Amino acid sequence: MSAACLCLGERYAADMLEQVRMYLRQTPFQPFQIRISSGDVFRVEHPANAAIVKHTVLVALPEGDEAIMLSALHIVGVSGIEQIAA
């Protein structure tokens, strides 16, 4: 793997982490979702349900006391969740 390719990968990962960081710091907090390369989507309903550790995003799963670790290189998008009026 070339140095240029590695540098682009590192830059991409840093950009994805910065997007997650932006949503976590938003005041007031708005739920958001993280889409990964497999097509899976993980919702973050509260800022305490996600954390950035080095080059990984840790997301608490809503089904219980488990969490998933997402490599920043596999994050393909971060977006807000539009609230639908009931």
PDB file of N, CA and C in Angstrom:
ATOM      1  N   MET A   1       0.854  -1.175   0.000  1.00  0.00           N
ATOM      2  CA  MET A   1       0.000   0.000   0.000  1.00  0.00           C
ATOM      3  C   MET A   1       0.896   1.234   0.000  1.00  0.00           C
ATOM      4  N   SER A   2       0.571   2.188  -0.850  1.00  0.00           N
ATOM      5  CA  SER A   2       1.409   3.377  -0.959  1.00  0.00           C
ATOM      6  C   SER A   2       1.155   4.340   0.201  1.00  0.00           C
ATOM      7  N   ALA A   3       2.120   5.208   0.443  1.00  0.00           N
ATOM      8  CA  ALA A   3       1.988   6.210   1.506  1.00  0.00           C
ATOM      9  C   ALA A   3       0.833   7.156   1.214  1.00  0.00           C
ATOM     10  N   ALA A   4       0.622   7.495  -0.069  1.00  0.00           N
ATOM     11  CA  ALA A   4      -0.478   8.400  -0.434  1.00  0.00           C
ATOM     12  C   ALA A   4      -1.823   7.772  -0.109  1.00  0.00           C
ATOM     13  N   CYS A   5      -1.961   6.472  -0.381  1.00  0.00           N
ATOM     14  CA  CYS A   5      -3.203   5.761  -0.090  1.00  0.00           C
ATOM     15  C   CYS A   5      -3.449   5.726   1.415  1.00  0.00           C
ATOM     16  N   LEU A   6      -2.409   5.430   2.178  1.00  0.00           N
ATOM     17  CA  LEU A   6      -2.522   5.386   3.629  1.00  0.00           C
ATOM     18  C   LEU A   6      -2.921   6.751   4.178  1.00  0.00           C
ATOM     19  N   CYS A   7      -2.325   7.799   3.635  1.00  0.00           N
ATOM     20  CA  CYS A   7      -2.634   9.157   4.083  1.00  0.00           C
ATOM     21  C   CYS A   7      -4.097   9.498   3.802  1.00  0.00           C
ATOM     22  N   LEU A   8      -4.606   9.111   2.631  1.00  0.00           N
ATOM     23  CA  LEU A   8      -6.006   9.370   2.295  1.00  0.00           C
ATOM     24  C   LEU A   8      -6.935   8.622   3.237  1.00  0.00           C
ATOM     25  N   GLY A   9      -6.589   7.376   3.572  1.00  0.00           N
ATOM     26  CA  GLY A   9      -7.398   6.595   4.501  1.00  0.00           C
ATOM     27  C   GLY A   9      -7.435   7.220   5.878  1.00  0.00           C
ATOM     28  N   GLU A  10      -6.300   7.690   6.331  1.00  0.00           N
ATOM     29  CA  GLU A  10      -6.238   8.349   7.636  1.00  0.00           C
ATOM     30  C   GLU A  10      -7.050   9.642   7.640  1.00  0.00           C
ATOM     31  N   ARG A  11      -6.973  10.383   6.559  1.00  0.00           N
ATOM     32  CA  ARG A  11      -7.726  11.637   6.454  1.00  0.00           C
ATOM     33  C   ARG A  11      -9.230  11.352   6.434  1.00  0.00           C
ATOM     34  N   TYR A  12      -9.631  10.313   5.678  1.00  0.00           N
ATOM     35  CA  TYR A  12     -11.043   9.932   5.614  1.00  0.00           C
ATOM     36  C   TYR A  12     -11.549   9.546   7.009  1.00  0.00           C
ATOM     37  N   ALA A  13     -10.782   8.712   7.712  1.00  0.00           N
ATOM     38  CA  ALA A  13     -11.175   8.280   9.055  1.00  0.00           C
ATOM     39  C   ALA A  13     -11.298   9.479   9.995  1.00  0.00           C
ATOM     40  N   ALA A  14     -10.365  10.404   9.908  1.00  0.00           N
ATOM     41  CA  ALA A  14     -10.409  11.601  10.757  1.00  0.00           C
ATOM     42  C   ALA A  14     -11.648  12.437  10.447  1.00  0.00           C
ATOM     43  N   ASP A  15     -12.003  12.543   9.174  1.00  0.00           N
ATOM     44  CA  ASP A  15     -13.208  13.300   8.784  1.00  0.00           C
ATOM     45  C   ASP A  15     -14.473  12.646   9.337  1.00  0.00           C
ATOM     46  N   MET A  16     -14.550  11.315   9.257  1.00  0.00           N
ATOM     47  CA  MET A  16     -15.727  10.608   9.784  1.00  0.00           C
ATOM     48  C   MET A  16     -15.823  10.783  11.300  1.00  0.00           C
ATOM     49  N   LEU A  17     -14.699  10.685  11.993  1.00  0.00           N
ATOM     50  CA  LEU A  17     -14.714  10.886  13.441  1.00  0.00           C
ATOM     51  C   LEU A  17     -15.124  12.304  13.801  1.00  0.00           C
ATOM     52  N   GLU A  18     -14.692  13.271  13.018  1.00  0.00           N
ATOM     53  CA  GLU A  18     -15.072  14.661  13.284  1.00  0.00           C
ATOM     54  C   GLU A  18     -16.569  14.860  13.092  1.00  0.00           C
ATOM     55  N   GLN A  19     -17.166  14.185  12.112  1.00  0.00           N
ATOM     56  CA  GLN A  19     -18.622  14.285  11.921  1.00  0.00           C
ATOM     57  C   GLN A  19     -19.355  13.715  13.125  1.00  0.00           C
ATOM     58  N   VAL A  20     -18.907  12.567  13.613  1.00  0.00           N
ATOM     59  CA  VAL A  20     -19.531  11.972  14.800  1.00  0.00           C
ATOM     60  C   VAL A  20     -19.365  12.911  15.996  1.00  0.00           C
ATOM     61  N   ARG A  21     -18.171  13.434  16.169  1.00  0.00           N
ATOM     62  CA  ARG A  21     -17.888  14.365  17.272  1.00  0.00           C
ATOM     63  C   ARG A  21     -18.812  15.585  17.209  1.00  0.00           C
ATOM     64  N   MET A  22     -19.045  16.101  16.006  1.00  0.00           N
ATOM     65  CA  MET A  22     -19.915  17.262  15.827  1.00  0.00           C
ATOM     66  C   MET A  22     -21.335  16.954  16.315  1.00  0.00           C
ATOM     67  N   TYR A  23     -21.850  15.790  15.938  1.00  0.00           N
ATOM     68  CA  TYR A  23     -23.204  15.415  16.386  1.00  0.00           C
ATOM     69  C   TYR A  23     -23.248  15.193  17.892  1.00  0.00           C
ATOM     70  N   LEU A  24     -22.227  14.589  18.467  1.00  0.00           N
ATOM     71  CA  LEU A  24     -22.217  14.338  19.913  1.00  0.00           C
ATOM     72  C   LEU A  24     -22.173  15.630  20.720  1.00  0.00           C
ATOM     73  N   ARG A  25     -21.541  16.667  20.176  1.00  0.00           N
ATOM     74  CA  ARG A  25     -21.393  17.942  20.892  1.00  0.00           C
ATOM     75  C   ARG A  25     -22.518  18.929  20.623  1.00  0.00           C
ATOM     76  N   GLN A  26     -23.402  18.608  19.701  1.00  0.00           N
ATOM     77  CA  GLN A  26     -24.480  19.522  19.310  1.00  0.00           C
ATOM     78  C   GLN A  26     -25.368  19.837  20.508  1.00  0.00           C
ATOM     79  N   THR A  27     -25.674  21.118  20.668  1.00  0.00           N
ATOM     80  CA  THR A  27     -26.540  21.562  21.760  1.00  0.00           C
ATOM     81  C   THR A  27     -27.706  22.350  21.179  1.00  0.00           C
ATOM     82  N   PRO A  28     -28.941  21.948  21.430  1.00  0.00           N
ATOM     83  CA  PRO A  28     -29.313  20.731  22.147  1.00  0.00           C
ATOM     84  C   PRO A  28     -29.002  19.504  21.290  1.00  0.00           C
ATOM     85  N   PHE A  29     -28.800  18.384  21.966  1.00  0.00           N
ATOM     86  CA  PHE A  29     -28.473  17.146  21.268  1.00  0.00           C
ATOM     87  C   PHE A  29     -29.617  16.724  20.364  1.00  0.00           C
ATOM     88  N   GLN A  30     -29.279  16.294  19.161  1.00  0.00           N
ATOM     89  CA  GLN A  30     -30.253  15.745  18.217  1.00  0.00           C
ATOM     90  C   GLN A  30     -29.799  14.332  17.861  1.00  0.00           C
ATOM     91  N   PRO A  31     -30.697  13.347  17.922  1.00  0.00           N
ATOM     92  CA  PRO A  31     -30.316  11.987  17.564  1.00  0.00           C
ATOM     93  C   PRO A  31     -29.730  11.937  16.149  1.00  0.00           C
ATOM     94  N   PHE A  32     -28.823  10.990  15.949  1.00  0.00           N
ATOM     95  CA  PHE A  32     -28.214  10.842  14.630  1.00  0.00           C
ATOM     96  C   PHE A  32     -27.958   9.369  14.356  1.00  0.00           C
ATOM     97  N   GLN A  33     -27.562   9.076  13.130  1.00  0.00           N
ATOM     98  CA  GLN A  33     -27.289   7.695  12.758  1.00  0.00           C
ATOM     99  C   GLN A  33     -25.954   7.596  12.042  1.00  0.00           C
ATOM    100  N   ILE A  34     -25.351   6.435  12.195  1.00  0.00           N
ATOM    101  CA  ILE A  34     -24.066   6.151  11.570  1.00  0.00           C
ATOM    102  C   ILE A  34     -24.273   4.974  10.624  1.00  0.00           C
ATOM    103  N   ARG A  35     -23.943   5.167   9.362  1.00  0.00           N
ATOM    104  CA  ARG A  35     -24.055   4.105   8.358  1.00  0.00           C
ATOM    105  C   ARG A  35     -22.647   3.564   8.091  1.00  0.00           C
ATOM    106  N   ILE A  36     -22.531   2.233   8.051  1.00  0.00           N
ATOM    107  CA  ILE A  36     -21.223   1.627   7.805  1.00  0.00           C
ATOM    108  C   ILE A  36     -21.205   0.910   6.454  1.00  0.00           C
ATOM    109  N   SER A  37     -20.016   0.475   6.045  1.00  0.00           N
ATOM    110  CA  SER A  37     -19.810  -0.089   4.714  1.00  0.00           C
ATOM    111  C   SER A  37     -20.661  -1.325   4.430  1.00  0.00           C
ATOM    112  N   SER A  38     -21.074  -2.061   5.442  1.00  0.00           N
ATOM    113  CA  SER A  38     -21.920  -3.245   5.240  1.00  0.00           C
ATOM    114  C   SER A  38     -23.363  -2.866   4.920  1.00  0.00           C
ATOM    115  N   GLY A  39     -23.703  -1.576   5.118  1.00  0.00           N
ATOM    116  CA  GLY A  39     -25.075  -1.122   4.922  1.00  0.00           C
ATOM    117  C   GLY A  39     -25.846  -1.003   6.223  1.00  0.00           C
ATOM    118  N   ASP A  40     -25.296  -1.514   7.308  1.00  0.00           N
ATOM    119  CA  ASP A  40     -25.951  -1.415   8.611  1.00  0.00           C
ATOM    120  C   ASP A  40     -25.974   0.038   9.076  1.00  0.00           C
ATOM    121  N   VAL A  41     -27.020   0.371   9.821  1.00  0.00           N
ATOM    122  CA  VAL A  41     -27.184   1.719  10.359  1.00  0.00           C
ATOM    123  C   VAL A  41     -27.367   1.613  11.869  1.00  0.00           C
ATOM    124  N   PHE A  42     -26.639   2.435  12.602  1.00  0.00           N
ATOM    125  CA  PHE A  42     -26.711   2.449  14.058  1.00  0.00           C
ATOM    126  C   PHE A  42     -27.183   3.830  14.508  1.00  0.00           C
ATOM    127  N   ARG A  43     -28.271   3.829  15.271  1.00  0.00           N
ATOM    128  CA  ARG A  43     -28.845   5.088  15.767  1.00  0.00           C
ATOM    129  C   ARG A  43     -28.221   5.449  17.111  1.00  0.00           C
ATOM    130  N   VAL A  44     -27.985   6.733  17.289  1.00  0.00           N
ATOM    131  CA  VAL A  44     -27.492   7.258  18.565  1.00  0.00           C
ATOM    132  C   VAL A  44     -28.576   8.196  19.077  1.00  0.00           C
ATOM    133  N   GLU A  45     -29.312   7.736  20.078  1.00  0.00           N
ATOM    134  CA  GLU A  45     -30.465   8.482  20.593  1.00  0.00           C
ATOM    135  C   GLU A  45     -30.101   9.444  21.726  1.00  0.00           C
ATOM    136  N   HIS A  46     -28.913   9.272  22.311  1.00  0.00           N
ATOM    137  CA  HIS A  46     -28.491  10.111  23.444  1.00  0.00           C
ATOM    138  C   HIS A  46     -26.962  10.210  23.386  1.00  0.00           C
ATOM    139  N   PRO A  47     -26.388  11.355  23.755  1.00  0.00           N
ATOM    140  CA  PRO A  47     -24.930  11.497  23.656  1.00  0.00           C
ATOM    141  C   PRO A  47     -24.151  10.495  24.509  1.00  0.00           C
ATOM    142  N   ALA A  48     -24.759   9.976  25.561  1.00  0.00           N
ATOM    143  CA  ALA A  48     -24.078   8.978  26.391  1.00  0.00           C
ATOM    144  C   ALA A  48     -24.055   7.600  25.734  1.00  0.00           C
ATOM    145  N   ASN A  49     -24.736   7.453  24.601  1.00  0.00           N
ATOM    146  CA  ASN A  49     -24.802   6.161  23.912  1.00  0.00           C
ATOM    147  C   ASN A  49     -23.712   5.974  22.871  1.00  0.00           C
ATOM    148  N   ALA A  50     -22.774   6.903  22.776  1.00  0.00           N
ATOM    149  CA  ALA A  50     -21.670   6.774  21.820  1.00  0.00           C
ATOM    150  C   ALA A  50     -20.435   7.455  22.384  1.00  0.00           C
ATOM    151  N   ALA A  51     -19.289   6.931  21.993  1.00  0.00           N
ATOM    152  CA  ALA A  51     -18.019   7.521  22.412  1.00  0.00           C
ATOM    153  C   ALA A  51     -16.984   7.251  21.331  1.00  0.00           C
ATOM    154  N   ILE A  52     -16.030   8.158  21.236  1.00  0.00           N
ATOM    155  CA  ILE A  52     -14.918   7.986  20.301  1.00  0.00           C
ATOM    156  C   ILE A  52     -13.696   7.582  21.110  1.00  0.00           C
ATOM    157  N   VAL A  53     -13.106   6.449  20.715  1.00  0.00           N
ATOM    158  CA  VAL A  53     -11.903   5.947  21.364  1.00  0.00           C
ATOM    159  C   VAL A  53     -10.884   5.692  20.262  1.00  0.00           C
ATOM    160  N   LYS A  54      -9.851   6.524  20.230  1.00  0.00           N
ATOM    161  CA  LYS A  54      -8.841   6.475  19.174  1.00  0.00           C
ATOM    162  C   LYS A  54      -9.495   6.603  17.806  1.00  0.00           C
ATOM    163  N   HIS A  55      -9.433   5.544  16.992  1.00  0.00           N
ATOM    164  CA  HIS A  55      -9.986   5.586  15.629  1.00  0.00           C
ATOM    165  C   HIS A  55     -11.248   4.747  15.520  1.00  0.00           C
ATOM    166  N   THR A  56     -11.959   4.627  16.634  1.00  0.00           N
ATOM    167  CA  THR A  56     -13.133   3.761  16.714  1.00  0.00           C
ATOM    168  C   THR A  56     -14.279   4.511  17.379  1.00  0.00           C
ATOM    169  N   VAL A  57     -15.500   4.237  16.898  1.00  0.00           N
ATOM    170  CA  VAL A  57     -16.689   4.778  17.545  1.00  0.00           C
ATOM    171  C   VAL A  57     -17.367   3.613  18.256  1.00  0.00           C
ATOM    172  N   LEU A  58     -17.622   3.783  19.524  1.00  0.00           N
ATOM    173  CA  LEU A  58     -18.313   2.792  20.338  1.00  0.00           C
ATOM    174  C   LEU A  58     -19.766   3.234  20.443  1.00  0.00           C
ATOM    175  N   VAL A  59     -20.697   2.367  20.034  1.00  0.00           N
ATOM    176  CA  VAL A  59     -22.123   2.708  20.057  1.00  0.00           C
ATOM    177  C   VAL A  59     -22.860   1.685  20.905  1.00  0.00           C
ATOM    178  N   ALA A  60     -23.603   2.162  21.905  1.00  0.00           N
ATOM    179  CA  ALA A  60     -24.428   1.288  22.731  1.00  0.00           C
ATOM    180  C   ALA A  60     -25.616   0.812  21.910  1.00  0.00           C
ATOM    181  N   LEU A  61     -25.882  -0.482  21.972  1.00  0.00           N
ATOM    182  CA  LEU A  61     -27.015  -1.041  21.244  1.00  0.00           C
ATOM    183  C   LEU A  61     -28.278  -0.925  22.091  1.00  0.00           C
ATOM    184  N   PRO A  62     -29.409  -0.621  21.477  1.00  0.00           N
ATOM    185  CA  PRO A  62     -30.633  -0.391  22.244  1.00  0.00           C
ATOM    186  C   PRO A  62     -31.226  -1.657  22.866  1.00  0.00           C
ATOM    187  N   GLU A  63     -30.794  -2.835  22.432  1.00  0.00           N
ATOM    188  CA  GLU A  63     -31.386  -4.082  22.905  1.00  0.00           C
ATOM    189  C   GLU A  63     -30.930  -4.507  24.289  1.00  0.00           C
ATOM    190  N   GLY A  64     -29.985  -3.835  24.874  1.00  0.00           N
ATOM    191  CA  GLY A  64     -29.520  -4.256  26.197  1.00  0.00           C
ATOM    192  C   GLY A  64     -28.245  -3.574  26.603  1.00  0.00           C
ATOM    193  N   ASP A  65     -27.390  -4.330  27.257  1.00  0.00           N
ATOM    194  CA  ASP A  65     -26.146  -3.787  27.786  1.00  0.00           C
ATOM    195  C   ASP A  65     -24.955  -4.058  26.886  1.00  0.00           C
ATOM    196  N   GLU A  66     -25.184  -4.152  25.599  1.00  0.00           N
ATOM    197  CA  GLU A  66     -24.106  -4.437  24.666  1.00  0.00           C
ATOM    198  C   GLU A  66     -23.792  -3.204  23.825  1.00  0.00           C
ATOM    199  N   ALA A  67     -22.597  -3.215  23.251  1.00  0.00           N
ATOM    200  CA  ALA A  67     -22.163  -2.115  22.392  1.00  0.00           C
ATOM    201  C   ALA A  67     -21.422  -2.700  21.195  1.00  0.00           C
ATOM    202  N   ILE A  68     -21.276  -1.905  20.167  1.00  0.00           N
ATOM    203  CA  ILE A  68     -20.528  -2.319  18.989  1.00  0.00           C
ATOM    204  C   ILE A  68     -19.427  -1.305  18.740  1.00  0.00           C
ATOM    205  N   MET A  69     -18.299  -1.800  18.270  1.00  0.00           N
ATOM    206  CA  MET A  69     -17.177  -0.931  17.931  1.00  0.00           C
ATOM    207  C   MET A  69     -17.138  -0.771  16.416  1.00  0.00           C
ATOM    208  N   LEU A  70     -17.154   0.475  15.951  1.00  0.00           N
ATOM    209  CA  LEU A  70     -17.147   0.773  14.524  1.00  0.00           C
ATOM    210  C   LEU A  70     -15.832   1.441  14.147  1.00  0.00           C
ATOM    211  N   SER A  71     -15.097   0.817  13.268  1.00  0.00           N
ATOM    212  CA  SER A  71     -13.862   1.431  12.777  1.00  0.00           C
ATOM    213  C   SER A  71     -14.229   2.644  11.926  1.00  0.00           C
ATOM    214  N   ALA A  72     -13.519   3.726  12.127  1.00  0.00           N
ATOM    215  CA  ALA A  72     -13.797   4.946  11.358  1.00  0.00           C
ATOM    216  C   ALA A  72     -13.642   4.708   9.859  1.00  0.00           C
ATOM    217  N   LEU A  73     -12.778   3.774   9.464  1.00  0.00           N
ATOM    218  CA  LEU A  73     -12.593   3.479   8.039  1.00  0.00           C
ATOM    219  C   LEU A  73     -13.819   2.831   7.412  1.00  0.00           C
ATOM    220  N   HIS A  74     -14.710   2.246   8.225  1.00  0.00           N
ATOM    221  CA  HIS A  74     -15.918   1.598   7.706  1.00  0.00           C
ATOM    222  C   HIS A  74     -17.147   2.491   7.795  1.00  0.00           C
ATOM    223  N   ILE A  75     -17.017   3.667   8.374  1.00  0.00           N
ATOM    224  CA  ILE A  75     -18.149   4.592   8.438  1.00  0.00           C
ATOM    225  C   ILE A  75     -18.273   5.289   7.091  1.00  0.00           C
ATOM    226  N   VAL A  76     -19.438   5.157   6.474  1.00  0.00           N
ATOM    227  CA  VAL A  76     -19.651   5.776   5.167  1.00  0.00           C
ATOM    228  C   VAL A  76     -20.526   7.016   5.235  1.00  0.00           C
ATOM    229  N   GLY A  77     -21.167   7.222   6.379  1.00  0.00           N
ATOM    230  CA  GLY A  77     -21.996   8.417   6.516  1.00  0.00           C
ATOM    231  C   GLY A  77     -22.506   8.611   7.925  1.00  0.00           C
ATOM    232  N   VAL A  78     -22.681   9.868   8.269  1.00  0.00           N
ATOM    233  CA  VAL A  78     -23.254  10.266   9.557  1.00  0.00           C
ATOM    234  C   VAL A  78     -24.290  11.319   9.244  1.00  0.00           C
ATOM    235  N   SER A  79     -25.518  11.111   9.741  1.00  0.00           N
ATOM    236  CA  SER A  79     -26.574  12.065   9.431  1.00  0.00           C
ATOM    237  C   SER A  79     -27.564  12.164  10.583  1.00  0.00           C
ATOM    238  N   GLY A  80     -28.264  13.290  10.610  1.00  0.00           N
ATOM    239  CA  GLY A  80     -29.283  13.497  11.621  1.00  0.00           C
ATOM    240  C   GLY A  80     -30.508  12.657  11.325  1.00  0.00           C
ATOM    241  N   ILE A  81     -31.271  12.400  12.358  1.00  0.00           N
ATOM    242  CA  ILE A  81     -32.528  11.660  12.216  1.00  0.00           C
ATOM    243  C   ILE A  81     -33.650  12.676  12.312  1.00  0.00           C
ATOM    244  N   GLU A  82     -34.390  12.788  11.243  1.00  0.00           N
ATOM    245  CA  GLU A  82     -35.488  13.755  11.246  1.00  0.00           C
ATOM    246  C   GLU A  82     -36.587  13.264  12.166  1.00  0.00           C
ATOM    247  N   GLN A  83     -37.043  14.169  12.990  1.00  0.00           N
ATOM    248  CA  GLN A  83     -38.134  13.846  13.905  1.00  0.00           C
ATOM    249  C   GLN A  83     -39.458  13.913  13.152  1.00  0.00           C
ATOM    250  N   ILE A  84     -40.246  12.848  13.236  1.00  0.00           N
ATOM    251  CA  ILE A  84     -41.540  12.793  12.564  1.00  0.00           C
ATOM    252  C   ILE A  84     -42.600  13.140  13.585  1.00  0.00           C
ATOM    253  N   ALA A  85     -43.396  14.151  13.272  1.00  0.00           N
ATOM    254  CA  ALA A  85     -44.455  14.584  14.194  1.00  0.00           C
ATOM    255  C   ALA A  85     -45.521  13.494  14.293  1.00  0.00           C
ATOM    256  N   ALA A  86     -45.897  13.201  15.524  1.00  0.00           N
ATOM    257  CA  ALA A  86     -46.907  12.153  15.739  1.00  0.00           C
ATOM    258  C   ALA A  86     -48.300  12.691  15.543  1.00  0.00           C
TER     259      ALA A  86
END
